[in-house]
PDB file of N, CA and C in Angstrom:
ATOM      1  N   MET A   1       2.238  21.756   1.687  1.00  0.00           N
ATOM      2  CA  MET A   1       1.633  20.351   1.526  1.00  0.00           C
ATOM      3  C   MET A   1       2.370  19.492   2.157  1.00  0.00           C
ATOM      4  N   PRO A   2       1.814  18.036   3.091  1.00  0.00           N
ATOM      5  CA  PRO A   2       2.259  17.013   3.118  1.00  0.00           C
ATOM      6  C   PRO A   2       3.368  16.562   2.208  1.00  0.00           C
ATOM      7  N   TRP A   3       4.290  15.717   1.935  1.00  0.00           N
ATOM      8  CA  TRP A   3       4.963  15.430   0.688  1.00  0.00           C
ATOM      9  C   TRP A   3       3.922  14.008   0.248  1.00  0.00           C
ATOM     10  N   ALA A   4       3.791  13.276   1.442  1.00  0.00           N
ATOM     11  CA  ALA A   4       3.350  12.063   0.990  1.00  0.00           C
ATOM     12  C   ALA A   4       2.391  11.778   2.287  1.00  0.00           C
ATOM     13  N   TRP A   5       1.011  11.127   1.212  1.00  0.00           N
ATOM     14  CA  TRP A   5       0.083  10.676   2.518  1.00  0.00           C
ATOM     15  C   TRP A   5      -0.157   9.011   2.466  1.00  0.00           C
ATOM     16  N   ALA A   6      -0.744   8.555   3.492  1.00  0.00           N
ATOM     17  CA  ALA A   6      -1.039   6.976   3.338  1.00  0.00           C
ATOM     18  C   ALA A   6      -2.218   6.222   4.114  1.00  0.00           C
ATOM     19  N   SER A   7      -2.884   5.649   3.379  1.00  0.00           N
ATOM     20  CA  SER A   7      -4.182   5.097   3.947  1.00  0.00           C
ATOM     21  C   SER A   7      -4.245   3.980   3.772  1.00  0.00           C
ATOM     22  N   VAL A   8      -4.404   3.110   4.952  1.00  0.00           N
ATOM     23  CA  VAL A   8      -4.556   1.534   5.173  1.00  0.00           C
ATOM     24  C   VAL A   8      -5.947   1.336   5.391  1.00  0.00           C
ATOM     25  N   GLU A   9      -6.585  -0.302   4.514  1.00  0.00           N
ATOM     26  CA  GLU A   9      -7.680  -0.625   4.577  1.00  0.00           C
ATOM     27  C   GLU A   9      -7.590  -2.050   4.999  1.00  0.00           C
ATOM     28  N   LEU A  10      -8.813  -2.250   6.012  1.00  0.00           N
ATOM     29  CA  LEU A  10      -8.286  -3.231   6.858  1.00  0.00           C
ATOM     30  C   LEU A  10      -9.614  -4.026   7.166  1.00  0.00           C
ATOM     31  N   PRO A  11     -10.312  -5.087   7.705  1.00  0.00           N
ATOM     32  CA  PRO A  11      -8.866  -6.510   7.421  1.00  0.00           C
ATOM     33  C   PRO A  11      -8.776  -6.899   6.030  1.00  0.00           C
ATOM     34  N   GLY A  12      -8.668  -8.312   6.123  1.00  0.00           N
ATOM     35  CA  GLY A  12      -8.166  -8.901   5.236  1.00  0.00           C
ATOM     36  C   GLY A  12      -7.052  -8.283   4.106  1.00  0.00           C
ATOM     37  N   SER A  13      -7.176  -8.028   3.075  1.00  0.00           N
ATOM     38  CA  SER A  13      -5.705  -7.536   2.481  1.00  0.00           C
ATOM     39  C   SER A  13      -5.448  -6.787   2.757  1.00  0.00           C
ATOM     40  N   SER A  14      -4.199  -5.928   3.373  1.00  0.00           N
ATOM     41  CA  SER A  14      -3.656  -5.009   3.955  1.00  0.00           C
ATOM     42  C   SER A  14      -3.288  -3.817   2.575  1.00  0.00           C
ATOM     43  N   ASN A  15      -4.324  -2.638   1.911  1.00  0.00           N
ATOM     44  CA  ASN A  15      -4.331  -1.947   0.707  1.00  0.00           C
ATOM     45  C   ASN A  15      -3.281  -0.674   1.190  1.00  0.00           C
ATOM     46  N   VAL A  16      -2.294  -0.180   0.933  1.00  0.00           N
ATOM     47  CA  VAL A  16      -1.705   0.868   1.842  1.00  0.00           C
ATOM     48  C   VAL A  16      -1.230   1.843   0.135  1.00  0.00           C
ATOM     49  N   MET A  17      -1.773   2.972   0.491  1.00  0.00           N
ATOM     50  CA  MET A  17      -1.862   3.958  -0.860  1.00  0.00           C
ATOM     51  C   MET A  17      -0.899   4.976  -0.477  1.00  0.00           C
ATOM     52  N   ILE A  18       0.123   5.380  -1.200  1.00  0.00           N
ATOM     53  CA  ILE A  18       0.545   6.750  -0.457  1.00  0.00           C
ATOM     54  C   ILE A  18       1.136   7.353  -2.068  1.00  0.00           C
ATOM     55  N   THR A  19       0.469   8.794  -2.218  1.00  0.00           N
ATOM     56  CA  THR A  19       0.499   9.635  -2.838  1.00  0.00           C
ATOM     57  C   THR A  19       1.693  11.126  -2.389  1.00  0.00           C
ATOM     58  N   THR A  20       2.337  11.174  -3.350  1.00  0.00           N
ATOM     59  CA  THR A  20       3.286  12.095  -3.242  1.00  0.00           C
ATOM     60  C   THR A  20       2.662  13.055  -3.821  1.00  0.00           C
ATOM     61  N   ALA A  21       3.293  14.735  -3.460  1.00  0.00           N
ATOM     62  CA  ALA A  21       2.644  15.249  -3.729  1.00  0.00           C
ATOM     63  C   ALA A  21       2.964  15.931  -5.523  1.00  0.00           C
ATOM     64  N   ARG A  22       3.494  15.422  -5.883  1.00  0.00           N
ATOM     65  CA  ARG A  22       3.548  15.348  -7.720  1.00  0.00           C
ATOM     66  C   ARG A  22       2.645  14.303  -8.113  1.00  0.00           C
ATOM     67  N   GLY A  23       1.540  13.783  -7.388  1.00  0.00           N
ATOM     68  CA  GLY A  23       0.779  13.113  -7.897  1.00  0.00           C
ATOM     69  C   GLY A  23       0.871  11.429  -8.284  1.00  0.00           C
ATOM     70  N   ILE A  24       2.125  10.919  -7.813  1.00  0.00           N
ATOM     71  CA  ILE A  24       2.418   9.709  -7.839  1.00  0.00           C
ATOM     72  C   ILE A  24       1.833   9.008  -6.838  1.00  0.00           C
ATOM     73  N   GLN A  25       1.219   7.965  -7.582  1.00  0.00           N
ATOM     74  CA  GLN A  25       0.776   6.918  -6.212  1.00  0.00           C
ATOM     75  C   GLN A  25       1.425   5.770  -6.763  1.00  0.00           C
ATOM     76  N   VAL A  26       1.672   5.203  -5.027  1.00  0.00           N
ATOM     77  CA  VAL A  26       2.268   4.004  -4.902  1.00  0.00           C
ATOM     78  C   VAL A  26       1.582   3.266  -3.616  1.00  0.00           C
ATOM     79  N   VAL A  27       1.430   1.809  -4.606  1.00  0.00           N
ATOM     80  CA  VAL A  27      -0.381   1.181  -4.014  1.00  0.00           C
ATOM     81  C   VAL A  27       0.940  -0.176  -3.743  1.00  0.00           C
ATOM     82  N   PHE A  28       0.529  -0.568  -1.823  1.00  0.00           N
ATOM     83  CA  PHE A  28       1.170  -1.610  -1.421  1.00  0.00           C
ATOM     84  C   PHE A  28      -0.487  -2.588  -1.101  1.00  0.00           C
ATOM     85  N   MET A  29       0.146  -3.242  -2.036  1.00  0.00           N
ATOM     86  CA  MET A  29      -1.010  -4.953  -1.821  1.00  0.00           C
ATOM     87  C   MET A  29      -0.421  -6.082  -0.822  1.00  0.00           C
ATOM     88  N   LEU A  30      -0.935  -6.075   0.620  1.00  0.00           N
ATOM     89  CA  LEU A  30       0.015  -6.914   1.656  1.00  0.00           C
ATOM     90  C   LEU A  30      -1.009  -8.198   1.669  1.00  0.00           C
ATOM     91  N   PRO A  31      -1.311  -9.412   1.057  1.00  0.00           N
ATOM     92  CA  PRO A  31      -2.204  -9.942   1.600  1.00  0.00           C
ATOM     93  C   PRO A  31      -2.108 -10.683   3.453  1.00  0.00           C
ATOM     94  N   SER A  32      -3.040 -11.129   3.071  1.00  0.00           N
ATOM     95  CA  SER A  32      -2.905 -11.476   5.022  1.00  0.00           C
ATOM     96  C   SER A  32      -2.301 -12.777   4.913  1.00  0.00           C
ATOM     97  N   SER A  33      -1.463 -12.614   5.771  1.00  0.00           N
ATOM     98  CA  SER A  33      -0.532 -13.849   6.284  1.00  0.00           C
ATOM     99  C   SER A  33      -0.925 -14.776   7.811  1.00  0.00           C
ATOM    100  N   GLU A  34      -2.238 -15.290   7.150  1.00  0.00           N
ATOM    101  CA  GLU A  34      -2.726 -16.100   8.300  1.00  0.00           C
ATOM    102  C   GLU A  34      -2.318 -17.672   8.133  1.00  0.00           C
ATOM    103  N   ARG A  35      -1.704 -17.782   7.613  1.00  0.00           N
ATOM    104  CA  ARG A  35      -0.862 -19.219   7.393  1.00  0.00           C
ATOM    105  C   ARG A  35       0.680 -19.113   8.209  1.00  0.00           C
ATOM    106  N   GLY A  36       0.894 -18.065   8.271  1.00  0.00           N
ATOM    107  CA  GLY A  36       2.177 -17.656   8.964  1.00  0.00           C
ATOM    108  C   GLY A  36       3.259 -17.418   7.873  1.00  0.00           C
ATOM    109  N   ALA A  37       2.868 -17.226   6.712  1.00  0.00           N
ATOM    110  CA  ALA A  37       4.114 -17.286   5.828  1.00  0.00           C
ATOM    111  C   ALA A  37       4.194 -15.482   5.406  1.00  0.00           C
ATOM    112  N   PRO A  38       5.206 -15.250   5.145  1.00  0.00           N
ATOM    113  CA  PRO A  38       5.528 -13.886   5.249  1.00  0.00           C
ATOM    114  C   PRO A  38       4.876 -13.623   3.910  1.00  0.00           C
ATOM    115  N   ALA A  39       4.235 -12.000   4.209  1.00  0.00           N
ATOM    116  CA  ALA A  39       3.086 -11.692   3.079  1.00  0.00           C
ATOM    117  C   ALA A  39       4.327 -10.825   2.128  1.00  0.00           C
ATOM    118  N   SER A  40       3.770 -11.308   0.849  1.00  0.00           N
ATOM    119  CA  SER A  40       4.240 -11.010  -0.383  1.00  0.00           C
ATOM    120  C   SER A  40       3.378  -9.509  -0.680  1.00  0.00           C
ATOM    121  N   VAL A  41       4.688  -8.351  -1.442  1.00  0.00           N
ATOM    122  CA  VAL A  41       4.608  -7.322  -1.491  1.00  0.00           C
ATOM    123  C   VAL A  41       4.501  -6.593  -3.295  1.00  0.00           C
ATOM    124  N   VAL A  42       3.190  -6.008  -3.553  1.00  0.00           N
ATOM    125  CA  VAL A  42       3.040  -5.976  -5.060  1.00  0.00           C
ATOM    126  C   VAL A  42       3.338  -4.004  -4.894  1.00  0.00           C
ATOM    127  N   LEU A  43       4.618  -3.731  -5.409  1.00  0.00           N
ATOM    128  CA  LEU A  43       4.400  -2.428  -6.041  1.00  0.00           C
ATOM    129  C   LEU A  43       3.842  -1.945  -7.057  1.00  0.00           C
ATOM    130  N   ALA A  44       3.257  -0.774  -7.180  1.00  0.00           N
ATOM    131  CA  ALA A  44       2.386  -0.182  -8.598  1.00  0.00           C
ATOM    132  C   ALA A  44       2.229   0.975  -8.777  1.00  0.00           C
ATOM    133  N   VAL A  45       3.452   1.587  -9.322  1.00  0.00           N
ATOM    134  CA  VAL A  45       3.389   3.041  -9.125  1.00  0.00           C
ATOM    135  C   VAL A  45       2.550   3.665 -10.806  1.00  0.00           C
ATOM    136  N   HIS A  46       1.866   4.636 -10.263  1.00  0.00           N
ATOM    137  CA  HIS A  46       0.927   5.575 -11.463  1.00  0.00           C
ATOM    138  C   HIS A  46       1.743   6.724 -11.039  1.00  0.00           C
ATOM    139  N   GLY A  47       1.854   7.334 -12.269  1.00  0.00           N
ATOM    140  CA  GLY A  47       2.522   8.675 -12.635  1.00  0.00           C
ATOM    141  C   GLY A  47       2.446   9.505 -14.053  1.00  0.00           C
TER     142      GLY A  47
END
């Protein structure tokens, strides 16, 4: 069993979800940086 897996949804905001083997979900929400600004990262951990 892999330690973690990630799924990415495009286009628009990039939502990356990583679920570890222990069932902890880490979700990265990366807003699109169309204006050239660095994308902010929102980290949510559910365990």
